[in-house]
Amino acid sequence: PLFSHSKKRIFLNDAGKYYLGIVKETLNKLERDTNTIMTWQPTVQVIELAVNPTFSTHWLIPNLHEFTKLHPDIIVNIHSLANNGDF
């Protein structure tokens, strides 16, 4: 085991401290490289919509195609509300 505990405390034991010393730089490099690669990928934008079924059927869905043509980089997630809401 790498951890020991006493009462309500958990801490690295001698084996854990030794292991941390060995892998710390590798973990830091992995984190740096991962962050670098993540910046290479295009940013994805997501719009979350919660709409009532009537609005969705009569306006949103018929107009969504035009929006996606103009903004192909934006993902639209649509969630239907169970009731029509209180207007």
PDB file of N, CA and C in Angstrom:
ATOM      1  N   PRO A   1       0.830  -1.202   0.000  1.00  0.00           N
ATOM      2  CA  PRO A   1       0.000   0.000   0.000  1.00  0.00           C
ATOM      3  C   PRO A   1       0.870   1.260   0.000  1.00  0.00           C
ATOM      4  N   LEU A   2       0.335   2.304  -0.588  1.00  0.00           N
ATOM      5  CA  LEU A   2       1.044   3.577  -0.669  1.00  0.00           C
ATOM      6  C   LEU A   2       0.560   4.577   0.381  1.00  0.00           C
ATOM      7  N   PHE A   3      -0.577   4.273   0.995  1.00  0.00           N
ATOM      8  CA  PHE A   3      -1.169   5.178   1.972  1.00  0.00           C
ATOM      9  C   PHE A   3      -1.323   4.477   3.312  1.00  0.00           C
ATOM     10  N   SER A   4      -1.285   5.279   4.352  1.00  0.00           N
ATOM     11  CA  SER A   4      -1.597   4.802   5.697  1.00  0.00           C
ATOM     12  C   SER A   4      -2.672   5.720   6.253  1.00  0.00           C
ATOM     13  N   HIS A   5      -3.346   5.260   7.274  1.00  0.00           N
ATOM     14  CA  HIS A   5      -4.365   6.117   7.878  1.00  0.00           C
ATOM     15  C   HIS A   5      -4.346   5.954   9.387  1.00  0.00           C
ATOM     16  N   SER A   6      -4.703   7.015  10.036  1.00  0.00           N
ATOM     17  CA  SER A   6      -4.868   6.991  11.484  1.00  0.00           C
ATOM     18  C   SER A   6      -6.022   7.919  11.823  1.00  0.00           C
ATOM     19  N   LYS A   7      -6.955   7.406  12.556  1.00  0.00           N
ATOM     20  CA  LYS A   7      -8.183   8.139  12.907  1.00  0.00           C
ATOM     21  C   LYS A   7      -8.843   8.642  11.626  1.00  0.00           C
ATOM     22  N   LYS A   8      -8.921   9.946  11.429  1.00  0.00           N
ATOM     23  CA  LYS A   8      -9.606  10.503  10.251  1.00  0.00           C
ATOM     24  C   LYS A   8      -8.620  11.069   9.236  1.00  0.00           C
ATOM     25  N   ARG A   9      -7.404  10.584   9.240  1.00  0.00           N
ATOM     26  CA  ARG A   9      -6.355  11.126   8.384  1.00  0.00           C
ATOM     27  C   ARG A   9      -5.778  10.050   7.477  1.00  0.00           C
ATOM     28  N   ILE A  10      -5.566  10.397   6.223  1.00  0.00           N
ATOM     29  CA  ILE A  10      -4.898   9.506   5.272  1.00  0.00           C
ATOM     30  C   ILE A  10      -3.633  10.219   4.809  1.00  0.00           C
ATOM     31  N   PHE A  11      -2.523   9.496   4.730  1.00  0.00           N
ATOM     32  CA  PHE A  11      -1.261  10.109   4.329  1.00  0.00           C
ATOM     33  C   PHE A  11      -0.402   9.092   3.602  1.00  0.00           C
ATOM     34  N   LEU A  12       0.566   9.629   2.831  1.00  0.00           N
ATOM     35  CA  LEU A  12       1.511   8.760   2.135  1.00  0.00           C
ATOM     36  C   LEU A  12       2.431   8.099   3.149  1.00  0.00           C
ATOM     37  N   ASN A  13       2.600   6.802   3.019  1.00  0.00           N
ATOM     38  CA  ASN A  13       3.582   6.118   3.866  1.00  0.00           C
ATOM     39  C   ASN A  13       4.941   6.177   3.166  1.00  0.00           C
ATOM     40  N   ASP A  14       5.945   5.518   3.708  1.00  0.00           N
ATOM     41  CA  ASP A  14       7.286   5.574   3.121  1.00  0.00           C
ATOM     42  C   ASP A  14       7.302   5.060   1.683  1.00  0.00           C
ATOM     43  N   ALA A  15       6.571   3.982   1.423  1.00  0.00           N
ATOM     44  CA  ALA A  15       6.514   3.452   0.053  1.00  0.00           C
ATOM     45  C   ALA A  15       5.852   4.462  -0.878  1.00  0.00           C
ATOM     46  N   GLY A  16       4.797   5.124  -0.401  1.00  0.00           N
ATOM     47  CA  GLY A  16       4.110   6.130  -1.204  1.00  0.00           C
ATOM     48  C   GLY A  16       4.995   7.322  -1.510  1.00  0.00           C
ATOM     49  N   LYS A  17       5.756   7.768  -0.520  1.00  0.00           N
ATOM     50  CA  LYS A  17       6.681   8.893  -0.728  1.00  0.00           C
ATOM     51  C   LYS A  17       7.764   8.516  -1.737  1.00  0.00           C
ATOM     52  N   TYR A  18       8.267   7.311  -1.621  1.00  0.00           N
ATOM     53  CA  TYR A  18       9.294   6.836  -2.558  1.00  0.00           C
ATOM     54  C   TYR A  18       8.732   6.784  -3.978  1.00  0.00           C
ATOM     55  N   TYR A  19       7.538   6.202  -4.112  1.00  0.00           N
ATOM     56  CA  TYR A  19       6.919   6.067  -5.429  1.00  0.00           C
ATOM     57  C   TYR A  19       6.611   7.439  -6.028  1.00  0.00           C
ATOM     58  N   LEU A  20       6.111   8.353  -5.212  1.00  0.00           N
ATOM     59  CA  LEU A  20       5.825   9.702  -5.691  1.00  0.00           C
ATOM     60  C   LEU A  20       7.085  10.359  -6.241  1.00  0.00           C
ATOM     61  N   GLY A  21       8.190  10.177  -5.552  1.00  0.00           N
ATOM     62  CA  GLY A  21       9.454  10.732  -6.031  1.00  0.00           C
ATOM     63  C   GLY A  21       9.848  10.195  -7.391  1.00  0.00           C
ATOM     64  N   ILE A  22       9.525   8.949  -7.652  1.00  0.00           N
ATOM     65  CA  ILE A  22       9.871   8.321  -8.932  1.00  0.00           C
ATOM     66  C   ILE A  22       8.953   8.800 -10.059  1.00  0.00           C
ATOM     67  N   VAL A  23       7.662   8.906  -9.806  1.00  0.00           N
ATOM     68  CA  VAL A  23       6.701   9.166 -10.885  1.00  0.00           C
ATOM     69  C   VAL A  23       6.274  10.624 -11.009  1.00  0.00           C
ATOM     70  N   LYS A  24       6.649  11.478 -10.075  1.00  0.00           N
ATOM     71  CA  LYS A  24       6.161  12.857 -10.073  1.00  0.00           C
ATOM     72  C   LYS A  24       6.484  13.589 -11.373  1.00  0.00           C
ATOM     73  N   GLU A  25       7.725  13.546 -11.822  1.00  0.00           N
ATOM     74  CA  GLU A  25       8.096  14.257 -13.051  1.00  0.00           C
ATOM     75  C   GLU A  25       7.369  13.671 -14.261  1.00  0.00           C
ATOM     76  N   THR A  26       7.196  12.360 -14.287  1.00  0.00           N
ATOM     77  CA  THR A  26       6.469  11.725 -15.390  1.00  0.00           C
ATOM     78  C   THR A  26       5.016  12.199 -15.415  1.00  0.00           C
ATOM     79  N   LEU A  27       4.382  12.261 -14.259  1.00  0.00           N
ATOM     80  CA  LEU A  27       2.997  12.735 -14.188  1.00  0.00           C
ATOM     81  C   LEU A  27       2.893  14.205 -14.592  1.00  0.00           C
ATOM     82  N   ASN A  28       3.849  15.019 -14.160  1.00  0.00           N
ATOM     83  CA  ASN A  28       3.854  16.430 -14.555  1.00  0.00           C
ATOM     84  C   ASN A  28       4.021  16.579 -16.062  1.00  0.00           C
ATOM     85  N   LYS A  29       4.904  15.781 -16.657  1.00  0.00           N
ATOM     86  CA  LYS A  29       5.106  15.824 -18.110  1.00  0.00           C
ATOM     87  C   LYS A  29       3.843  15.376 -18.835  1.00  0.00           C
ATOM     88  N   LEU A  30       3.211  14.346 -18.346  1.00  0.00           N
ATOM     89  CA  LEU A  30       1.970  13.868 -18.944  1.00  0.00           C
ATOM     90  C   LEU A  30       0.906  14.964 -18.903  1.00  0.00           C
ATOM     91  N   GLU A  31       0.801  15.658 -17.788  1.00  0.00           N
ATOM     92  CA  GLU A  31      -0.173  16.744 -17.675  1.00  0.00           C
ATOM     93  C   GLU A  31       0.153  17.876 -18.658  1.00  0.00           C
ATOM     94  N   ARG A  32       1.415  18.281 -18.728  1.00  0.00           N
ATOM     95  CA  ARG A  32       1.822  19.352 -19.653  1.00  0.00           C
ATOM     96  C   ARG A  32       1.533  18.962 -21.102  1.00  0.00           C
ATOM     97  N   ASP A  33       1.919  17.747 -21.477  1.00  0.00           N
ATOM     98  CA  ASP A  33       1.718  17.299 -22.859  1.00  0.00           C
ATOM     99  C   ASP A  33       0.238  17.185 -23.200  1.00  0.00           C
ATOM    100  N   THR A  34      -0.557  16.725 -22.261  1.00  0.00           N
ATOM    101  CA  THR A  34      -2.000  16.625 -22.481  1.00  0.00           C
ATOM    102  C   THR A  34      -2.598  18.009 -22.685  1.00  0.00           C
ATOM    103  N   ASN A  35      -2.217  18.962 -21.851  1.00  0.00           N
ATOM    104  CA  ASN A  35      -2.719  20.330 -22.004  1.00  0.00           C
ATOM    105  C   ASN A  35      -2.296  20.930 -23.339  1.00  0.00           C
ATOM    106  N   THR A  36      -1.095  20.644 -23.778  1.00  0.00           N
ATOM    107  CA  THR A  36      -0.622  21.139 -25.072  1.00  0.00           C
ATOM    108  C   THR A  36      -1.458  20.572 -26.208  1.00  0.00           C
ATOM    109  N   ILE A  37      -1.692  19.287 -26.188  1.00  0.00           N
ATOM    110  CA  ILE A  37      -2.471  18.645 -27.251  1.00  0.00           C
ATOM    111  C   ILE A  37      -3.905  19.153 -27.263  1.00  0.00           C
ATOM    112  N   MET A  38      -4.469  19.408 -26.105  1.00  0.00           N
ATOM    113  CA  MET A  38      -5.848  19.894 -26.035  1.00  0.00           C
ATOM    114  C   MET A  38      -5.987  21.258 -26.705  1.00  0.00           C
ATOM    115  N   THR A  39      -4.937  22.061 -26.715  1.00  0.00           N
ATOM    116  CA  THR A  39      -5.014  23.366 -27.375  1.00  0.00           C
ATOM    117  C   THR A  39      -4.970  23.239 -28.890  1.00  0.00           C
ATOM    118  N   TRP A  40      -4.523  22.112 -29.414  1.00  0.00           N
ATOM    119  CA  TRP A  40      -4.476  21.902 -30.856  1.00  0.00           C
ATOM    120  C   TRP A  40      -5.854  21.645 -31.435  1.00  0.00           C
ATOM    121  N   GLN A  41      -6.734  21.111 -30.638  1.00  0.00           N
ATOM    122  CA  GLN A  41      -8.040  20.722 -31.138  1.00  0.00           C
ATOM    123  C   GLN A  41      -8.942  21.949 -31.230  1.00  0.00           C
ATOM    124  N   PRO A  42      -9.780  21.999 -32.256  1.00  0.00           N
ATOM    125  CA  PRO A  42     -10.681  23.142 -32.377  1.00  0.00           C
ATOM    126  C   PRO A  42     -11.656  23.180 -31.204  1.00  0.00           C
ATOM    127  N   THR A  43     -12.003  24.378 -30.834  1.00  0.00           N
ATOM    128  CA  THR A  43     -12.952  24.553 -29.744  1.00  0.00           C
ATOM    129  C   THR A  43     -14.344  24.174 -30.233  1.00  0.00           C
ATOM    130  N   VAL A  44     -15.009  23.364 -29.469  1.00  0.00           N
ATOM    131  CA  VAL A  44     -16.372  22.959 -29.800  1.00  0.00           C
ATOM    132  C   VAL A  44     -17.319  23.777 -28.936  1.00  0.00           C
ATOM    133  N   GLN A  45     -18.273  24.390 -29.583  1.00  0.00           N
ATOM    134  CA  GLN A  45     -19.277  25.154 -28.859  1.00  0.00           C
ATOM    135  C   GLN A  45     -20.568  24.360 -28.853  1.00  0.00           C
ATOM    136  N   VAL A  46     -21.216  24.353 -27.711  1.00  0.00           N
ATOM    137  CA  VAL A  46     -22.455  23.596 -27.555  1.00  0.00           C
ATOM    138  C   VAL A  46     -23.529  24.527 -27.020  1.00  0.00           C
ATOM    139  N   ILE A  47     -24.704  24.451 -27.620  1.00  0.00           N
ATOM    140  CA  ILE A  47     -25.870  25.168 -27.118  1.00  0.00           C
ATOM    141  C   ILE A  47     -26.844  24.123 -26.601  1.00  0.00           C
ATOM    142  N   GLU A  48     -27.250  24.280 -25.365  1.00  0.00           N
ATOM    143  CA  GLU A  48     -28.240  23.389 -24.758  1.00  0.00           C
ATOM    144  C   GLU A  48     -29.572  24.134 -24.728  1.00  0.00           C
ATOM    145  N   LEU A  49     -30.587  23.575 -25.362  1.00  0.00           N
ATOM    146  CA  LEU A  49     -31.907  24.198 -25.388  1.00  0.00           C
ATOM    147  C   LEU A  49     -32.921  23.283 -24.720  1.00  0.00           C
ATOM    148  N   ALA A  50     -33.736  23.856 -23.852  1.00  0.00           N
ATOM    149  CA  ALA A  50     -34.859  23.132 -23.256  1.00  0.00           C
ATOM    150  C   ALA A  50     -36.118  23.863 -23.705  1.00  0.00           C
ATOM    151  N   VAL A  51     -36.890  23.234 -24.546  1.00  0.00           N
ATOM    152  CA  VAL A  51     -38.047  23.905 -25.148  1.00  0.00           C
ATOM    153  C   VAL A  51     -39.287  23.026 -25.025  1.00  0.00           C
ATOM    154  N   ASN A  52     -40.443  23.685 -25.070  1.00  0.00           N
ATOM    155  CA  ASN A  52     -41.672  22.890 -25.031  1.00  0.00           C
ATOM    156  C   ASN A  52     -41.928  22.298 -26.413  1.00  0.00           C
ATOM    157  N   PRO A  53     -42.679  21.224 -26.473  1.00  0.00           N
ATOM    158  CA  PRO A  53     -42.882  20.517 -27.747  1.00  0.00           C
ATOM    159  C   PRO A  53     -43.516  21.375 -28.838  1.00  0.00           C
ATOM    160  N   THR A  54     -44.440  22.254 -28.487  1.00  0.00           N
ATOM    161  CA  THR A  54     -45.099  23.081 -29.498  1.00  0.00           C
ATOM    162  C   THR A  54     -44.105  24.017 -30.173  1.00  0.00           C
ATOM    163  N   PHE A  55     -43.300  24.706 -29.383  1.00  0.00           N
ATOM    164  CA  PHE A  55     -42.286  25.607 -29.938  1.00  0.00           C
ATOM    165  C   PHE A  55     -41.292  24.830 -30.786  1.00  0.00           C
ATOM    166  N   SER A  56     -40.887  23.683 -30.286  1.00  0.00           N
ATOM    167  CA  SER A  56     -39.922  22.860 -31.011  1.00  0.00           C
ATOM    168  C   SER A  56     -40.466  22.441 -32.372  1.00  0.00           C
ATOM    169  N   THR A  57     -41.695  21.975 -32.386  1.00  0.00           N
ATOM    170  CA  THR A  57     -42.307  21.471 -33.619  1.00  0.00           C
ATOM    171  C   THR A  57     -42.587  22.578 -34.629  1.00  0.00           C
ATOM    172  N   HIS A  58     -43.133  23.691 -34.144  1.00  0.00           N
ATOM    173  CA  HIS A  58     -43.601  24.731 -35.070  1.00  0.00           C
ATOM    174  C   HIS A  58     -42.564  25.779 -35.444  1.00  0.00           C
ATOM    175  N   TRP A  59     -41.522  25.955 -34.656  1.00  0.00           N
ATOM    176  CA  TRP A  59     -40.538  26.976 -35.014  1.00  0.00           C
ATOM    177  C   TRP A  59     -39.097  26.468 -35.009  1.00  0.00           C
ATOM    178  N   LEU A  60     -38.682  25.840 -33.922  1.00  0.00           N
ATOM    179  CA  LEU A  60     -37.269  25.496 -33.768  1.00  0.00           C
ATOM    180  C   LEU A  60     -36.780  24.507 -34.829  1.00  0.00           C
ATOM    181  N   ILE A  61     -37.440  23.387 -34.947  1.00  0.00           N
ATOM    182  CA  ILE A  61     -36.998  22.361 -35.895  1.00  0.00           C
ATOM    183  C   ILE A  61     -37.006  22.880 -37.336  1.00  0.00           C
ATOM    184  N   PRO A  62     -38.066  23.584 -37.777  1.00  0.00           N
ATOM    185  CA  PRO A  62     -38.035  24.106 -39.149  1.00  0.00           C
ATOM    186  C   PRO A  62     -36.903  25.111 -39.409  1.00  0.00           C
ATOM    187  N   ASN A  63     -36.438  25.810 -38.386  1.00  0.00           N
ATOM    188  CA  ASN A  63     -35.391  26.820 -38.565  1.00  0.00           C
ATOM    189  C   ASN A  63     -33.994  26.328 -38.201  1.00  0.00           C
ATOM    190  N   LEU A  64     -33.900  25.177 -37.624  1.00  0.00           N
ATOM    191  CA  LEU A  64     -32.615  24.675 -37.154  1.00  0.00           C
ATOM    192  C   LEU A  64     -31.644  24.392 -38.300  1.00  0.00           C
ATOM    193  N   HIS A  65     -32.152  23.926 -39.423  1.00  0.00           N
ATOM    194  CA  HIS A  65     -31.285  23.605 -40.558  1.00  0.00           C
ATOM    195  C   HIS A  65     -30.506  24.840 -41.018  1.00  0.00           C
ATOM    196  N   GLU A  66     -31.165  25.967 -41.092  1.00  0.00           N
ATOM    197  CA  GLU A  66     -30.493  27.204 -41.516  1.00  0.00           C
ATOM    198  C   GLU A  66     -29.403  27.596 -40.519  1.00  0.00           C
ATOM    199  N   PHE A  67     -29.687  27.447 -39.239  1.00  0.00           N
ATOM    200  CA  PHE A  67     -28.691  27.766 -38.211  1.00  0.00           C
ATOM    201  C   PHE A  67     -27.471  26.863 -38.335  1.00  0.00           C
ATOM    202  N   THR A  68     -27.695  25.576 -38.525  1.00  0.00           N
ATOM    203  CA  THR A  68     -26.561  24.649 -38.622  1.00  0.00           C
ATOM    204  C   THR A  68     -25.750  24.872 -39.900  1.00  0.00           C
ATOM    205  N   LYS A  69     -26.394  25.357 -40.964  1.00  0.00           N
ATOM    206  CA  LYS A  69     -25.635  25.713 -42.169  1.00  0.00           C
ATOM    207  C   LYS A  69     -24.735  26.916 -41.906  1.00  0.00           C
ATOM    208  N   LEU A  70     -25.249  27.895 -41.183  1.00  0.00           N
ATOM    209  CA  LEU A  70     -24.480  29.105 -40.890  1.00  0.00           C
ATOM    210  C   LEU A  70     -23.404  28.873 -39.832  1.00  0.00           C
ATOM    211  N   HIS A  71     -23.647  27.911 -38.935  1.00  0.00           N
ATOM    212  CA  HIS A  71     -22.735  27.664 -37.807  1.00  0.00           C
ATOM    213  C   HIS A  71     -22.447  26.168 -37.659  1.00  0.00           C
ATOM    214  N   PRO A  72     -21.722  25.578 -38.598  1.00  0.00           N
ATOM    215  CA  PRO A  72     -21.474  24.129 -38.538  1.00  0.00           C
ATOM    216  C   PRO A  72     -20.600  23.701 -37.358  1.00  0.00           C
ATOM    217  N   ASP A  73     -19.916  24.654 -36.735  1.00  0.00           N
ATOM    218  CA  ASP A  73     -19.033  24.335 -35.613  1.00  0.00           C
ATOM    219  C   ASP A  73     -19.754  24.335 -34.271  1.00  0.00           C
ATOM    220  N   ILE A  74     -21.044  24.646 -34.268  1.00  0.00           N
ATOM    221  CA  ILE A  74     -21.818  24.686 -33.027  1.00  0.00           C
ATOM    222  C   ILE A  74     -22.739  23.475 -32.973  1.00  0.00           C
ATOM    223  N   ILE A  75     -22.669  22.757 -31.869  1.00  0.00           N
ATOM    224  CA  ILE A  75     -23.537  21.601 -31.649  1.00  0.00           C
ATOM    225  C   ILE A  75     -24.764  22.074 -30.881  1.00  0.00           C
ATOM    226  N   VAL A  76     -25.935  21.709 -31.354  1.00  0.00           N
ATOM    227  CA  VAL A  76     -27.178  22.086 -30.691  1.00  0.00           C
ATOM    228  C   VAL A  76     -27.795  20.835 -30.081  1.00  0.00           C
ATOM    229  N   ASN A  77     -27.957  20.853 -28.774  1.00  0.00           N
ATOM    230  CA  ASN A  77     -28.633  19.765 -28.065  1.00  0.00           C
ATOM    231  C   ASN A  77     -30.000  20.271 -27.634  1.00  0.00           C
ATOM    232  N   ILE A  78     -31.040  19.554 -28.013  1.00  0.00           N
ATOM    233  CA  ILE A  78     -32.406  19.970 -27.710  1.00  0.00           C
ATOM    234  C   ILE A  78     -33.013  18.995 -26.718  1.00  0.00           C
ATOM    235  N   HIS A  79     -33.588  19.561 -25.670  1.00  0.00           N
ATOM    236  CA  HIS A  79     -34.268  18.769 -24.649  1.00  0.00           C
ATOM    237  C   HIS A  79     -35.716  19.238 -24.599  1.00  0.00           C
ATOM    238  N   SER A  80     -36.627  18.305 -24.673  1.00  0.00           N
ATOM    239  CA  SER A  80     -38.042  18.637 -24.646  1.00  0.00           C
ATOM    240  C   SER A  80     -38.524  18.745 -23.206  1.00  0.00           C
ATOM    241  N   LEU A  81     -39.246  19.833 -22.929  1.00  0.00           N
ATOM    242  CA  LEU A  81     -39.831  19.997 -21.601  1.00  0.00           C
ATOM    243  C   LEU A  81     -41.081  19.134 -21.507  1.00  0.00           C
ATOM    244  N   ALA A  82     -41.331  18.594 -20.344  1.00  0.00           N
ATOM    245  CA  ALA A  82     -42.477  17.703 -20.160  1.00  0.00           C
ATOM    246  C   ALA A  82     -43.793  18.463 -20.206  1.00  0.00           C
ATOM    247  N   ASN A  83     -43.786  19.736 -19.785  1.00  0.00           N
ATOM    248  CA  ASN A  83     -45.025  20.513 -19.830  1.00  0.00           C
ATOM    249  C   ASN A  83     -44.777  21.781 -20.630  1.00  0.00           C
ATOM    250  N   ASN A  84     -45.819  22.546 -20.837  1.00  0.00           N
ATOM    251  CA  ASN A  84     -45.693  23.757 -21.642  1.00  0.00           C
ATOM    252  C   ASN A  84     -45.200  24.953 -20.847  1.00  0.00           C
ATOM    253  N   GLY A  85     -44.939  24.795 -19.587  1.00  0.00           N
ATOM    254  CA  GLY A  85     -44.410  25.889 -18.784  1.00  0.00           C
ATOM    255  C   GLY A  85     -45.494  26.853 -18.346  1.00  0.00           C
ATOM    256  N   ASP A  86     -45.090  27.840 -17.592  1.00  0.00           N
ATOM    257  CA  ASP A  86     -46.009  28.848 -17.070  1.00  0.00           C
ATOM    258  C   ASP A  86     -45.608  30.191 -17.653  1.00  0.00           C
ATOM    259  N   PHE A  87     -46.368  30.650 -18.652  1.00  0.00           N
ATOM    260  CA  PHE A  87     -46.016  31.909 -19.312  1.00  0.00           C
ATOM    261  C   PHE A  87     -46.847  33.016 -18.744  1.00  0.00           C
TER     262      PHE A  87
END
